[in-house]
Structures are given as structure tokens and as C-alpha cells.
Amino acid sequence: MEFKAKKGIYLQIADNLCQQILAGELGAMDRVPSVRDMAVSLQVNRNTVMRTYTYLQEIGVFLNKRGVGFFIAEDAVNQIQKREKESFIQDELPGLIKKVKLLQLNSNQLADLIQQIQQND
């Protein structure tokens, strides 16, 4: 994993784990690597990974079973999607709408473009 300077490393790790959950690579109640193992594999400080895990627990993505470790919460996908939708609506959608207006794309054209992209995936 390559880290970018614009965002905290713990948030980048959290984003990566959330992407894995959304992609189905990590499922509900799967045990996640220990803080130590994750720190070693990512070559980051254990405190950074602990901050990531604590953050994901606070937002309902991880469960902490004392003495056992961290697990993916049953409702993790819904929690992640909810947060991602809110972020998209607040941060990205306004810019997208502005661009659509500048390019004078109507809703039919936009729907056609979306359908083409979906067919290519």
C-alpha cells in the first residue's frame, strides 16, 4: 500500500480496509489481522494501526472482542455505504453537477453515459 501525504495514514488504511469489505474480500465476522501483524505488513507504527482499528470500531465497521481480536461487524457494508454516500453527496457531487452544467449534458445523455460505463464493467 502506498500512502499519500494529503490524508492521514490511519485514514488511508481505514479506506483500504473498507474497500476490501465492500469488494467482498473481507466478510461479516471475519477476523482481521492483529494490530502487530497489520503494522508489520504495512510497515507502519503499531499505534497507527491501533488508531485505524479504533476509528473503524467507533464508526461501526469493526467489533473488538477482548482477548480475541478485531472482527468485521455484521452491518459493516451498510455502515460503509452510508458514510461513503454522505461523503459523495457532500464532497464530490457538487463538483460533478457543476461540470455537467458546464458541459451542458442533459439527464438522458448522462443516463446513457452511465449505462455505457456499466456495460463495460
PDB file of N, CA and C in Angstrom:
ATOM      1  N   MET A   1       0.836  -1.165   0.000  1.00  0.00           N
ATOM      2  CA  MET A   1       0.000   0.000   0.000  1.00  0.00           C
ATOM      3  C   MET A   1       0.887   1.236   0.000  1.00  0.00           C
ATOM      4  N   GLU A   2       0.611   2.148  -0.912  1.00  0.00           N
ATOM      5  CA  GLU A   2       1.367   3.400  -0.974  1.00  0.00           C
ATOM      6  C   GLU A   2       0.546   4.501  -0.332  1.00  0.00           C
ATOM      7  N   PHE A   3       1.172   5.261   0.534  1.00  0.00           N
ATOM      8  CA  PHE A   3       0.470   6.309   1.259  1.00  0.00           C
ATOM      9  C   PHE A   3       0.681   7.663   0.589  1.00  0.00           C
ATOM     10  N   LYS A   4      -0.353   8.497   0.686  1.00  0.00           N
ATOM     11  CA  LYS A   4      -0.319   9.842   0.122  1.00  0.00           C
ATOM     12  C   LYS A   4      -0.227  10.843   1.263  1.00  0.00           C
ATOM     13  N   ALA A   5       0.422  11.971   1.006  1.00  0.00           N
ATOM     14  CA  ALA A   5       0.666  12.959   2.052  1.00  0.00           C
ATOM     15  C   ALA A   5      -0.578  13.748   2.437  1.00  0.00           C
ATOM     16  N   LYS A   6      -1.578  13.808   1.577  1.00  0.00           N
ATOM     17  CA  LYS A   6      -2.741  14.666   1.816  1.00  0.00           C
ATOM     18  C   LYS A   6      -3.704  14.148   2.877  1.00  0.00           C
ATOM     19  N   LYS A   7      -3.598  12.899   3.244  1.00  0.00           N
ATOM     20  CA  LYS A   7      -4.556  12.291   4.171  1.00  0.00           C
ATOM     21  C   LYS A   7      -3.790  11.471   5.193  1.00  0.00           C
ATOM     22  N   GLY A   8      -4.282  11.467   6.432  1.00  0.00           N
ATOM     23  CA  GLY A   8      -3.628  10.704   7.483  1.00  0.00           C
ATOM     24  C   GLY A   8      -3.481   9.230   7.117  1.00  0.00           C
ATOM     25  N   ILE A   9      -2.358   8.643   7.505  1.00  0.00           N
ATOM     26  CA  ILE A   9      -2.089   7.245   7.175  1.00  0.00           C
ATOM     27  C   ILE A   9      -3.163   6.335   7.770  1.00  0.00           C
ATOM     28  N   TYR A  10      -3.593   6.612   8.989  1.00  0.00           N
ATOM     29  CA  TYR A  10      -4.602   5.752   9.609  1.00  0.00           C
ATOM     30  C   TYR A  10      -5.916   5.773   8.823  1.00  0.00           C
ATOM     31  N   LEU A  11      -6.251   6.939   8.247  1.00  0.00           N
ATOM     32  CA  LEU A  11      -7.471   7.029   7.432  1.00  0.00           C
ATOM     33  C   LEU A  11      -7.293   6.311   6.099  1.00  0.00           C
ATOM     34  N   GLN A  12      -6.093   6.359   5.543  1.00  0.00           N
ATOM     35  CA  GLN A  12      -5.835   5.643   4.296  1.00  0.00           C
ATOM     36  C   GLN A  12      -5.919   4.136   4.506  1.00  0.00           C
ATOM     37  N   ILE A  13      -5.422   3.668   5.637  1.00  0.00           N
ATOM     38  CA  ILE A  13      -5.535   2.247   5.958  1.00  0.00           C
ATOM     39  C   ILE A  13      -7.011   1.880   6.148  1.00  0.00           C
ATOM     40  N   ALA A  14      -7.755   2.742   6.853  1.00  0.00           N
ATOM     41  CA  ALA A  14      -9.190   2.508   7.059  1.00  0.00           C
ATOM     42  C   ALA A  14      -9.923   2.459   5.717  1.00  0.00           C
ATOM     43  N   ASP A  15      -9.611   3.393   4.823  1.00  0.00           N
ATOM     44  CA  ASP A  15     -10.234   3.408   3.497  1.00  0.00           C
ATOM     45  C   ASP A  15      -9.952   2.110   2.751  1.00  0.00           C
ATOM     46  N   ASN A  16      -8.722   1.639   2.838  1.00  0.00           N
ATOM     47  CA  ASN A  16      -8.336   0.409   2.154  1.00  0.00           C
ATOM     48  C   ASN A  16      -9.099  -0.787   2.719  1.00  0.00           C
ATOM     49  N   LEU A  17      -9.215  -0.861   4.019  1.00  0.00           N
ATOM     50  CA  LEU A  17      -9.964  -1.956   4.639  1.00  0.00           C
ATOM     51  C   LEU A  17     -11.443  -1.888   4.259  1.00  0.00           C
ATOM     52  N   CYS A  18     -11.987  -0.678   4.224  1.00  0.00           N
ATOM     53  CA  CYS A  18     -13.398  -0.517   3.832  1.00  0.00           C
ATOM     54  C   CYS A  18     -13.610  -0.948   2.386  1.00  0.00           C
ATOM     55  N   GLN A  19     -12.664  -0.626   1.517  1.00  0.00           N
ATOM     56  CA  GLN A  19     -12.756  -1.049   0.113  1.00  0.00           C
ATOM     57  C   GLN A  19     -12.755  -2.573   0.028  1.00  0.00           C
ATOM     58  N   GLN A  20     -11.913  -3.212   0.837  1.00  0.00           N
ATOM     59  CA  GLN A  20     -11.863  -4.679   0.843  1.00  0.00           C
ATOM     60  C   GLN A  20     -13.189  -5.273   1.316  1.00  0.00           C
ATOM     61  N   ILE A  21     -13.804  -4.631   2.286  1.00  0.00           N
ATOM     62  CA  ILE A  21     -15.099  -5.106   2.789  1.00  0.00           C
ATOM     63  C   ILE A  21     -16.160  -4.941   1.708  1.00  0.00           C
ATOM     64  N   LEU A  22     -16.202  -3.782   1.070  1.00  0.00           N
ATOM     65  CA  LEU A  22     -17.194  -3.548   0.013  1.00  0.00           C
ATOM     66  C   LEU A  22     -16.999  -4.487  -1.173  1.00  0.00           C
ATOM     67  N   ALA A  23     -15.746  -4.838  -1.446  1.00  0.00           N
ATOM     68  CA  ALA A  23     -15.440  -5.733  -2.564  1.00  0.00           C
ATOM     69  C   ALA A  23     -15.696  -7.202  -2.215  1.00  0.00           C
ATOM     70  N   GLY A  24     -16.026  -7.473  -0.959  1.00  0.00           N
ATOM     71  CA  GLY A  24     -16.300  -8.849  -0.547  1.00  0.00           C
ATOM     72  C   GLY A  24     -15.055  -9.637  -0.191  1.00  0.00           C
ATOM     73  N   GLU A  25     -13.910  -8.977  -0.125  1.00  0.00           N
ATOM     74  CA  GLU A  25     -12.667  -9.661   0.234  1.00  0.00           C
ATOM     75  C   GLU A  25     -12.617  -9.959   1.727  1.00  0.00           C
ATOM     76  N   LEU A  26     -13.304  -9.140   2.502  1.00  0.00           N
ATOM     77  CA  LEU A  26     -13.469  -9.361   3.941  1.00  0.00           C
ATOM     78  C   LEU A  26     -14.961  -9.387   4.212  1.00  0.00           C
ATOM     79  N   GLY A  27     -15.421 -10.401   4.919  1.00  0.00           N
ATOM     80  CA  GLY A  27     -16.854 -10.540   5.164  1.00  0.00           C
ATOM     81  C   GLY A  27     -17.225 -10.359   6.619  1.00  0.00           C
ATOM     82  N   ALA A  28     -18.514 -10.278   6.861  1.00  0.00           N
ATOM     83  CA  ALA A  28     -19.026 -10.109   8.210  1.00  0.00           C
ATOM     84  C   ALA A  28     -18.481 -11.193   9.126  1.00  0.00           C
ATOM     85  N   MET A  29     -18.025 -10.755  10.275  1.00  0.00           N
ATOM     86  CA  MET A  29     -17.483 -11.596  11.342  1.00  0.00           C
ATOM     87  C   MET A  29     -16.139 -12.240  11.002  1.00  0.00           C
ATOM     88  N   ASP A  30     -15.521 -11.834   9.887  1.00  0.00           N
ATOM     89  CA  ASP A  30     -14.149 -12.278   9.608  1.00  0.00           C
ATOM     90  C   ASP A  30     -13.217 -11.615  10.617  1.00  0.00           C
ATOM     91  N   ARG A  31     -12.245 -12.340  11.072  1.00  0.00           N
ATOM     92  CA  ARG A  31     -11.235 -11.776  11.970  1.00  0.00           C
ATOM     93  C   ARG A  31     -10.229 -11.020  11.113  1.00  0.00           C
ATOM     94  N   VAL A  32      -9.880  -9.833  11.549  1.00  0.00           N
ATOM     95  CA  VAL A  32      -8.876  -9.056  10.820  1.00  0.00           C
ATOM     96  C   VAL A  32      -7.511  -9.324  11.446  1.00  0.00           C
ATOM     97  N   PRO A  33      -6.448  -9.079  10.684  1.00  0.00           N
ATOM     98  CA  PRO A  33      -5.112  -9.327  11.250  1.00  0.00           C
ATOM     99  C   PRO A  33      -4.904  -8.541  12.550  1.00  0.00           C
ATOM    100  N   SER A  34      -4.073  -9.080  13.405  1.00  0.00           N
ATOM    101  CA  SER A  34      -3.768  -8.382  14.654  1.00  0.00           C
ATOM    102  C   SER A  34      -3.121  -7.035  14.338  1.00  0.00           C
ATOM    103  N   VAL A  35      -3.164  -6.148  15.307  1.00  0.00           N
ATOM    104  CA  VAL A  35      -2.552  -4.824  15.137  1.00  0.00           C
ATOM    105  C   VAL A  35      -1.078  -4.992  14.772  1.00  0.00           C
ATOM    106  N   ARG A  36      -0.407  -5.885  15.476  1.00  0.00           N
ATOM    107  CA  ARG A  36       1.022  -6.106  15.224  1.00  0.00           C
ATOM    108  C   ARG A  36       1.259  -6.629  13.810  1.00  0.00           C
ATOM    109  N   ASP A  37       0.495  -7.642  13.405  1.00  0.00           N
ATOM    110  CA  ASP A  37       0.676  -8.227  12.072  1.00  0.00           C
ATOM    111  C   ASP A  37       0.388  -7.207  10.972  1.00  0.00           C
ATOM    112  N   MET A  38      -0.678  -6.419  11.155  1.00  0.00           N
ATOM    113  CA  MET A  38      -1.010  -5.407  10.153  1.00  0.00           C
ATOM    114  C   MET A  38       0.091  -4.352  10.075  1.00  0.00           C
ATOM    115  N   ALA A  39       0.623  -3.938  11.225  1.00  0.00           N
ATOM    116  CA  ALA A  39       1.691  -2.937  11.247  1.00  0.00           C
ATOM    117  C   ALA A  39       2.930  -3.440  10.517  1.00  0.00           C
ATOM    118  N   VAL A  40       3.259  -4.689  10.752  1.00  0.00           N
ATOM    119  CA  VAL A  40       4.425  -5.281  10.082  1.00  0.00           C
ATOM    120  C   VAL A  40       4.188  -5.360   8.578  1.00  0.00           C
ATOM    121  N   SER A  41       3.013  -5.818   8.169  1.00  0.00           N
ATOM    122  CA  SER A  41       2.754  -5.984   6.731  1.00  0.00           C
ATOM    123  C   SER A  41       2.707  -4.647   6.003  1.00  0.00           C
ATOM    124  N   LEU A  42       2.235  -3.584   6.679  1.00  0.00           N
ATOM    125  CA  LEU A  42       2.155  -2.262   6.039  1.00  0.00           C
ATOM    126  C   LEU A  42       3.391  -1.406   6.300  1.00  0.00           C
ATOM    127  N   GLN A  43       4.265  -1.901   7.179  1.00  0.00           N
ATOM    128  CA  GLN A  43       5.472  -1.174   7.563  1.00  0.00           C
ATOM    129  C   GLN A  43       5.137   0.194   8.155  1.00  0.00           C
ATOM    130  N   VAL A  44       4.204   0.165   9.103  1.00  0.00           N
ATOM    131  CA  VAL A  44       3.823   1.380   9.829  1.00  0.00           C
ATOM    132  C   VAL A  44       3.877   1.088  11.327  1.00  0.00           C
ATOM    133  N   ASN A  45       3.795   2.135  12.119  1.00  0.00           N
ATOM    134  CA  ASN A  45       3.811   2.018  13.561  1.00  0.00           C
ATOM    135  C   ASN A  45       2.548   1.317  14.048  1.00  0.00           C
ATOM    136  N   ARG A  46       2.684   0.497  15.096  1.00  0.00           N
ATOM    137  CA  ARG A  46       1.521  -0.207  15.652  1.00  0.00           C
ATOM    138  C   ARG A  46       0.459   0.764  16.145  1.00  0.00           C
ATOM    139  N   ASN A  47       0.880   1.914  16.667  1.00  0.00           N
ATOM    140  CA  ASN A  47      -0.082   2.911  17.146  1.00  0.00           C
ATOM    141  C   ASN A  47      -0.951   3.430  16.001  1.00  0.00           C
ATOM    142  N   THR A  48      -0.377   3.518  14.803  1.00  0.00           N
ATOM    143  CA  THR A  48      -1.136   3.961  13.633  1.00  0.00           C
ATOM    144  C   THR A  48      -2.233   2.951  13.312  1.00  0.00           C
ATOM    145  N   VAL A  49      -1.887   1.677  13.336  1.00  0.00           N
ATOM    146  CA  VAL A  49      -2.870   0.625  13.066  1.00  0.00           C
ATOM    147  C   VAL A  49      -3.922   0.593  14.178  1.00  0.00           C
ATOM    148  N   MET A  50      -3.488   0.757  15.421  1.00  0.00           N
ATOM    149  CA  MET A  50      -4.454   0.773  16.525  1.00  0.00           C
ATOM    150  C   MET A  50      -5.418   1.941  16.362  1.00  0.00           C
ATOM    151  N   ARG A  51      -4.920   3.068  15.922  1.00  0.00           N
ATOM    152  CA  ARG A  51      -5.790   4.224  15.668  1.00  0.00           C
ATOM    153  C   ARG A  51      -6.795   3.899  14.564  1.00  0.00           C
ATOM    154  N   THR A  52      -6.351   3.211  13.521  1.00  0.00           N
ATOM    155  CA  THR A  52      -7.240   2.786  12.436  1.00  0.00           C
ATOM    156  C   THR A  52      -8.329   1.867  12.963  1.00  0.00           C
ATOM    157  N   TYR A  53      -7.936   0.856  13.709  1.00  0.00           N
ATOM    158  CA  TYR A  53      -8.892  -0.126  14.220  1.00  0.00           C
ATOM    159  C   TYR A  53      -9.895   0.532  15.180  1.00  0.00           C
ATOM    160  N   THR A  54      -9.403   1.423  16.024  1.00  0.00           N
ATOM    161  CA  THR A  54     -10.291   2.133  16.950  1.00  0.00           C
ATOM    162  C   THR A  54     -11.292   2.993  16.190  1.00  0.00           C
ATOM    163  N   TYR A  55     -10.803   3.691  15.173  1.00  0.00           N
ATOM    164  CA  TYR A  55     -11.683   4.518  14.339  1.00  0.00           C
ATOM    165  C   TYR A  55     -12.756   3.643  13.680  1.00  0.00           C
ATOM    166  N   LEU A  56     -12.353   2.520  13.090  1.00  0.00           N
ATOM    167  CA  LEU A  56     -13.319   1.637  12.431  1.00  0.00           C
ATOM    168  C   LEU A  56     -14.308   1.033  13.431  1.00  0.00           C
ATOM    169  N   GLN A  57     -13.865   0.814  14.637  1.00  0.00           N
ATOM    170  CA  GLN A  57     -14.780   0.335  15.682  1.00  0.00           C
ATOM    171  C   GLN A  57     -15.778   1.436  16.037  1.00  0.00           C
ATOM    172  N   GLU A  58     -15.305   2.666  16.151  1.00  0.00           N
ATOM    173  CA  GLU A  58     -16.178   3.788  16.513  1.00  0.00           C
ATOM    174  C   GLU A  58     -17.274   4.042  15.476  1.00  0.00           C
ATOM    175  N   ILE A  59     -16.967   3.783  14.209  1.00  0.00           N
ATOM    176  CA  ILE A  59     -17.967   4.026  13.158  1.00  0.00           C
ATOM    177  C   ILE A  59     -18.779   2.777  12.810  1.00  0.00           C
ATOM    178  N   GLY A  60     -18.597   1.708  13.582  1.00  0.00           N
ATOM    179  CA  GLY A  60     -19.435   0.528  13.434  1.00  0.00           C
ATOM    180  C   GLY A  60     -19.004  -0.467  12.377  1.00  0.00           C
ATOM    181  N   VAL A  61     -17.752  -0.391  11.947  1.00  0.00           N
ATOM    182  CA  VAL A  61     -17.249  -1.311  10.921  1.00  0.00           C
ATOM    183  C   VAL A  61     -16.547  -2.513  11.559  1.00  0.00           C
ATOM    184  N   PHE A  62     -15.866  -2.292  12.671  1.00  0.00           N
ATOM    185  CA  PHE A  62     -15.165  -3.357  13.386  1.00  0.00           C
ATOM    186  C   PHE A  62     -15.828  -3.602  14.744  1.00  0.00           C
ATOM    187  N   LEU A  63     -15.684  -4.828  15.221  1.00  0.00           N
ATOM    188  CA  LEU A  63     -16.033  -5.207  16.587  1.00  0.00           C
ATOM    189  C   LEU A  63     -14.747  -5.634  17.275  1.00  0.00           C
ATOM    190  N   ASN A  64     -14.608  -5.298  18.535  1.00  0.00           N
ATOM    191  CA  ASN A  64     -13.444  -5.723  19.301  1.00  0.00           C
ATOM    192  C   ASN A  64     -13.897  -6.734  20.339  1.00  0.00           C
ATOM    193  N   LYS A  65     -13.419  -7.951  20.203  1.00  0.00           N
ATOM    194  CA  LYS A  65     -13.704  -8.983  21.196  1.00  0.00           C
ATOM    195  C   LYS A  65     -12.454  -9.101  22.068  1.00  0.00           C
ATOM    196  N   ARG A  66     -12.567  -8.596  23.288  1.00  0.00           N
ATOM    197  CA  ARG A  66     -11.416  -8.569  24.193  1.00  0.00           C
ATOM    198  C   ARG A  66     -10.730  -9.927  24.295  1.00  0.00           C
ATOM    199  N   GLY A  67      -9.432  -9.880  24.137  1.00  0.00           N
ATOM    200  CA  GLY A  67      -8.636 -11.093  24.243  1.00  0.00           C
ATOM    201  C   GLY A  67      -8.641 -11.952  22.998  1.00  0.00           C
ATOM    202  N   VAL A  68      -9.482 -11.611  22.031  1.00  0.00           N
ATOM    203  CA  VAL A  68      -9.581 -12.410  20.805  1.00  0.00           C
ATOM    204  C   VAL A  68      -9.096 -11.613  19.602  1.00  0.00           C
ATOM    205  N   GLY A  69      -9.546 -10.377  19.491  1.00  0.00           N
ATOM    206  CA  GLY A  69      -9.118  -9.532  18.380  1.00  0.00           C
ATOM    207  C   GLY A  69     -10.259  -8.745  17.781  1.00  0.00           C
ATOM    208  N   PHE A  70      -9.977  -8.176  16.626  1.00  0.00           N
ATOM    209  CA  PHE A  70     -10.960  -7.367  15.913  1.00  0.00           C
ATOM    210  C   PHE A  70     -11.614  -8.192  14.806  1.00  0.00           C
ATOM    211  N   PHE A  71     -12.903  -7.929  14.595  1.00  0.00           N
ATOM    212  CA  PHE A  71     -13.694  -8.635  13.597  1.00  0.00           C
ATOM    213  C   PHE A  71     -14.503  -7.632  12.790  1.00  0.00           C
ATOM    214  N   ILE A  72     -14.874  -8.027  11.582  1.00  0.00           N
ATOM    215  CA  ILE A  72     -15.747  -7.204  10.744  1.00  0.00           C
ATOM    216  C   ILE A  72     -17.158  -7.285  11.323  1.00  0.00           C
ATOM    217  N   ALA A  73     -17.780  -6.147  11.548  1.00  0.00           N
ATOM    218  CA  ALA A  73     -19.132  -6.110  12.107  1.00  0.00           C
ATOM    219  C   ALA A  73     -20.143  -6.669  11.113  1.00  0.00           C
ATOM    220  N   GLU A  74     -21.234  -7.206  11.645  1.00  0.00           N
ATOM    221  CA  GLU A  74     -22.307  -7.751  10.798  1.00  0.00           C
ATOM    222  C   GLU A  74     -22.833  -6.710   9.814  1.00  0.00           C
ATOM    223  N   ASP A  75     -22.943  -5.474  10.263  1.00  0.00           N
ATOM    224  CA  ASP A  75     -23.536  -4.391   9.474  1.00  0.00           C
ATOM    225  C   ASP A  75     -22.487  -3.509   8.801  1.00  0.00           C
ATOM    226  N   ALA A  76     -21.257  -4.009   8.669  1.00  0.00           N
ATOM    227  CA  ALA A  76     -20.154  -3.191   8.160  1.00  0.00           C
ATOM    228  C   ALA A  76     -20.435  -2.621   6.769  1.00  0.00           C
ATOM    229  N   VAL A  77     -20.947  -3.433   5.866  1.00  0.00           N
ATOM    230  CA  VAL A  77     -21.195  -2.964   4.497  1.00  0.00           C
ATOM    231  C   VAL A  77     -22.165  -1.786   4.509  1.00  0.00           C
ATOM    232  N   ASN A  78     -23.251  -1.918   5.261  1.00  0.00           N
ATOM    233  CA  ASN A  78     -24.236  -0.828   5.338  1.00  0.00           C
ATOM    234  C   ASN A  78     -23.633   0.428   5.949  1.00  0.00           C
ATOM    235  N   GLN A  79     -22.828   0.262   6.985  1.00  0.00           N
ATOM    236  CA  GLN A  79     -22.193   1.415   7.635  1.00  0.00           C
ATOM    237  C   GLN A  79     -21.245   2.127   6.676  1.00  0.00           C
ATOM    238  N   ILE A  80     -20.477   1.354   5.939  1.00  0.00           N
ATOM    239  CA  ILE A  80     -19.524   1.942   4.992  1.00  0.00           C
ATOM    240  C   ILE A  80     -20.273   2.643   3.863  1.00  0.00           C
ATOM    241  N   GLN A  81     -21.267   1.969   3.304  1.00  0.00           N
ATOM    242  CA  GLN A  81     -22.037   2.579   2.214  1.00  0.00           C
ATOM    243  C   GLN A  81     -22.699   3.868   2.655  1.00  0.00           C
ATOM    244  N   LYS A  82     -23.249   3.878   3.855  1.00  0.00           N
ATOM    245  CA  LYS A  82     -23.887   5.086   4.383  1.00  0.00           C
ATOM    246  C   LYS A  82     -22.893   6.238   4.450  1.00  0.00           C
ATOM    247  N   ARG A  83     -21.723   5.977   5.013  1.00  0.00           N
ATOM    248  CA  ARG A  83     -20.696   7.025   5.132  1.00  0.00           C
ATOM    249  C   ARG A  83     -20.188   7.465   3.766  1.00  0.00           C
ATOM    250  N   GLU A  84     -19.979   6.510   2.857  1.00  0.00           N
ATOM    251  CA  GLU A  84     -19.482   6.835   1.520  1.00  0.00           C
ATOM    252  C   GLU A  84     -20.498   7.655   0.737  1.00  0.00           C
ATOM    253  N   LYS A  85     -21.781   7.328   0.863  1.00  0.00           N
ATOM    254  CA  LYS A  85     -22.825   8.101   0.187  1.00  0.00           C
ATOM    255  C   LYS A  85     -22.848   9.527   0.693  1.00  0.00           C
ATOM    256  N   GLU A  86     -22.792   9.691   2.023  1.00  0.00           N
ATOM    257  CA  GLU A  86     -22.777  11.029   2.610  1.00  0.00           C
ATOM    258  C   GLU A  86     -21.572  11.826   2.120  1.00  0.00           C
ATOM    259  N   SER A  87     -20.427  11.177   2.082  1.00  0.00           N
ATOM    260  CA  SER A  87     -19.201  11.840   1.621  1.00  0.00           C
ATOM    261  C   SER A  87     -19.306  12.226   0.148  1.00  0.00           C
ATOM    262  N   PHE A  88     -19.840  11.318  -0.669  1.00  0.00           N
ATOM    263  CA  PHE A  88     -20.003  11.590  -2.094  1.00  0.00           C
ATOM    264  C   PHE A  88     -20.936  12.778  -2.309  1.00  0.00           C
ATOM    265  N   ILE A  89     -22.051  12.778  -1.596  1.00  0.00           N
ATOM    266  CA  ILE A  89     -23.037  13.854  -1.753  1.00  0.00           C
ATOM    267  C   ILE A  89     -22.458  15.198  -1.326  1.00  0.00           C
ATOM    268  N   GLN A  90     -21.692  15.221  -0.258  1.00  0.00           N
ATOM    269  CA  GLN A  90     -21.134  16.470   0.246  1.00  0.00           C
ATOM    270  C   GLN A  90     -19.894  16.926  -0.522  1.00  0.00           C
ATOM    271  N   ASP A  91     -19.014  15.988  -0.863  1.00  0.00           N
ATOM    272  CA  ASP A  91     -17.704  16.360  -1.390  1.00  0.00           C
ATOM    273  C   ASP A  91     -17.564  16.285  -2.910  1.00  0.00           C
ATOM    274  N   GLU A  92     -18.172  15.296  -3.523  1.00  0.00           N
ATOM    275  CA  GLU A  92     -17.943  15.071  -4.940  1.00  0.00           C
ATOM    276  C   GLU A  92     -19.093  15.490  -5.842  1.00  0.00           C
ATOM    277  N   LEU A  93     -20.310  15.260  -5.402  1.00  0.00           N
ATOM    278  CA  LEU A  93     -21.479  15.532  -6.239  1.00  0.00           C
ATOM    279  C   LEU A  93     -21.588  16.992  -6.670  1.00  0.00           C
ATOM    280  N   PRO A  94     -21.353  17.963  -5.777  1.00  0.00           N
ATOM    281  CA  PRO A  94     -21.445  19.354  -6.232  1.00  0.00           C
ATOM    282  C   PRO A  94     -20.507  19.673  -7.402  1.00  0.00           C
ATOM    283  N   GLY A  95     -19.295  19.159  -7.373  1.00  0.00           N
ATOM    284  CA  GLY A  95     -18.357  19.365  -8.472  1.00  0.00           C
ATOM    285  C   GLY A  95     -18.808  18.674  -9.748  1.00  0.00           C
ATOM    286  N   LEU A  96     -19.371  17.482  -9.594  1.00  0.00           N
ATOM    287  CA  LEU A  96     -19.885  16.739 -10.742  1.00  0.00           C
ATOM    288  C   LEU A  96     -21.051  17.483 -11.381  1.00  0.00           C
ATOM    289  N   ILE A  97     -21.954  17.991 -10.562  1.00  0.00           N
ATOM    290  CA  ILE A  97     -23.107  18.740 -11.081  1.00  0.00           C
ATOM    291  C   ILE A  97     -22.642  19.998 -11.804  1.00  0.00           C
ATOM    292  N   LYS A  98     -21.669  20.663 -11.234  1.00  0.00           N
ATOM    293  CA  LYS A  98     -21.124  21.867 -11.879  1.00  0.00           C
ATOM    294  C   LYS A  98     -20.543  21.527 -13.248  1.00  0.00           C
ATOM    295  N   LYS A  99     -19.811  20.442 -13.325  1.00  0.00           N
ATOM    296  CA  LYS A  99     -19.194  20.010 -14.584  1.00  0.00           C
ATOM    297  C   LYS A  99     -20.266  19.642 -15.608  1.00  0.00           C
ATOM    298  N   VAL A 100     -21.313  18.936 -15.171  1.00  0.00           N
ATOM    299  CA  VAL A 100     -22.419  18.554 -16.056  1.00  0.00           C
ATOM    300  C   VAL A 100     -23.072  19.807 -16.643  1.00  0.00           C
ATOM    301  N   LYS A 101     -23.271  20.802 -15.801  1.00  0.00           N
ATOM    302  CA  LYS A 101     -23.870  22.049 -16.275  1.00  0.00           C
ATOM    303  C   LYS A 101     -22.962  22.759 -17.277  1.00  0.00           C
ATOM    304  N   LEU A 102     -21.670  22.812 -16.985  1.00  0.00           N
ATOM    305  CA  LEU A 102     -20.723  23.464 -17.893  1.00  0.00           C
ATOM    306  C   LEU A 102     -20.666  22.778 -19.252  1.00  0.00           C
ATOM    307  N   LEU A 103     -20.779  21.459 -19.227  1.00  0.00           N
ATOM    308  CA  LEU A 103     -20.738  20.692 -20.476  1.00  0.00           C
ATOM    309  C   LEU A 103     -22.108  20.600 -21.140  1.00  0.00           C
ATOM    310  N   GLN A 104     -23.117  21.126 -20.486  1.00  0.00           N
ATOM    311  CA  GLN A 104     -24.489  21.150 -20.987  1.00  0.00           C
ATOM    312  C   GLN A 104     -24.993  19.744 -21.330  1.00  0.00           C
ATOM    313  N   LEU A 105     -24.721  18.823 -20.415  1.00  0.00           N
ATOM    314  CA  LEU A 105     -25.227  17.460 -20.566  1.00  0.00           C
ATOM    315  C   LEU A 105     -26.612  17.396 -19.945  1.00  0.00           C
ATOM    316  N   ASN A 106     -27.563  16.798 -20.663  1.00  0.00           N
ATOM    317  CA  ASN A 106     -28.893  16.638 -20.086  1.00  0.00           C
ATOM    318  C   ASN A 106     -28.989  15.280 -19.397  1.00  0.00           C
ATOM    319  N   SER A 107     -30.078  15.042 -18.704  1.00  0.00           N
ATOM    320  CA  SER A 107     -30.217  13.818 -17.923  1.00  0.00           C
ATOM    321  C   SER A 107     -30.213  12.563 -18.788  1.00  0.00           C
ATOM    322  N   ASN A 108     -30.760  12.655 -20.009  1.00  0.00           N
ATOM    323  CA  ASN A 108     -30.748  11.494 -20.909  1.00  0.00           C
ATOM    324  C   ASN A 108     -29.324  11.153 -21.337  1.00  0.00           C
ATOM    325  N   GLN A 109     -28.545  12.167 -21.662  1.00  0.00           N
ATOM    326  CA  GLN A 109     -27.150  11.937 -22.050  1.00  0.00           C
ATOM    327  C   GLN A 109     -26.369  11.334 -20.891  1.00  0.00           C
ATOM    328  N   LEU A 110     -26.617  11.864 -19.719  1.00  0.00           N
ATOM    329  CA  LEU A 110     -25.934  11.365 -18.535  1.00  0.00           C
ATOM    330  C   LEU A 110     -26.312   9.908 -18.261  1.00  0.00           C
ATOM    331  N   ALA A 111     -27.595   9.598 -18.381  1.00  0.00           N
ATOM    332  CA  ALA A 111     -28.057   8.224 -18.175  1.00  0.00           C
ATOM    333  C   ALA A 111     -27.427   7.281 -19.194  1.00  0.00           C
ATOM    334  N   ASP A 112     -27.312   7.724 -20.442  1.00  0.00           N
ATOM    335  CA  ASP A 112     -26.681   6.908 -21.483  1.00  0.00           C
ATOM    336  C   ASP A 112     -25.211   6.653 -21.160  1.00  0.00           C
ATOM    337  N   LEU A 113     -24.518   7.679 -20.696  1.00  0.00           N
ATOM    338  CA  LEU A 113     -23.098   7.529 -20.344  1.00  0.00           C
ATOM    339  C   LEU A 113     -22.926   6.548 -19.179  1.00  0.00           C
ATOM    340  N   ILE A 114     -23.781   6.658 -18.192  1.00  0.00           N
ATOM    341  CA  ILE A 114     -23.714   5.755 -17.057  1.00  0.00           C
ATOM    342  C   ILE A 114     -23.975   4.315 -17.498  1.00  0.00           C
ATOM    343  N   GLN A 115     -24.955   4.135 -18.366  1.00  0.00           N
ATOM    344  CA  GLN A 115     -25.280   2.795 -18.855  1.00  0.00           C
ATOM    345  C   GLN A 115     -24.095   2.219 -19.650  1.00  0.00           C
ATOM    346  N   GLN A 116     -23.446   3.023 -20.477  1.00  0.00           N
ATOM    347  CA  GLN A 116     -22.286   2.565 -21.241  1.00  0.00           C
ATOM    348  C   GLN A 116     -21.158   2.124 -20.307  1.00  0.00           C
ATOM    349  N   ILE A 117     -20.917   2.900 -19.280  1.00  0.00           N
ATOM    350  CA  ILE A 117     -19.858   2.575 -18.328  1.00  0.00           C
ATOM    351  C   ILE A 117     -20.180   1.272 -17.611  1.00  0.00           C
ATOM    352  N   GLN A 118     -21.440   1.102 -17.204  1.00  0.00           N
ATOM    353  CA  GLN A 118     -21.846  -0.118 -16.507  1.00  0.00           C
ATOM    354  C   GLN A 118     -21.710  -1.344 -17.400  1.00  0.00           C
ATOM    355  N   GLN A 119     -21.977  -1.200 -18.685  1.00  0.00           N
ATOM    356  CA  GLN A 119     -21.856  -2.323 -19.610  1.00  0.00           C
ATOM    357  C   GLN A 119     -20.396  -2.720 -19.808  1.00  0.00           C
ATOM    358  N   ASN A 120     -19.481  -1.760 -19.696  1.00  0.00           N
ATOM    359  CA  ASN A 120     -18.065  -2.033 -19.880  1.00  0.00           C
ATOM    360  C   ASN A 120     -17.405  -2.628 -18.639  1.00  0.00           C
ATOM    361  N   ASP A 121     -18.100  -2.551 -17.501  1.00  0.00           N
ATOM    362  CA  ASP A 121     -17.525  -3.109 -16.256  1.00  0.00           C
ATOM    363  C   ASP A 121     -17.724  -4.569 -16.148  1.00  0.00           C
TER     364      ASP A 121
END
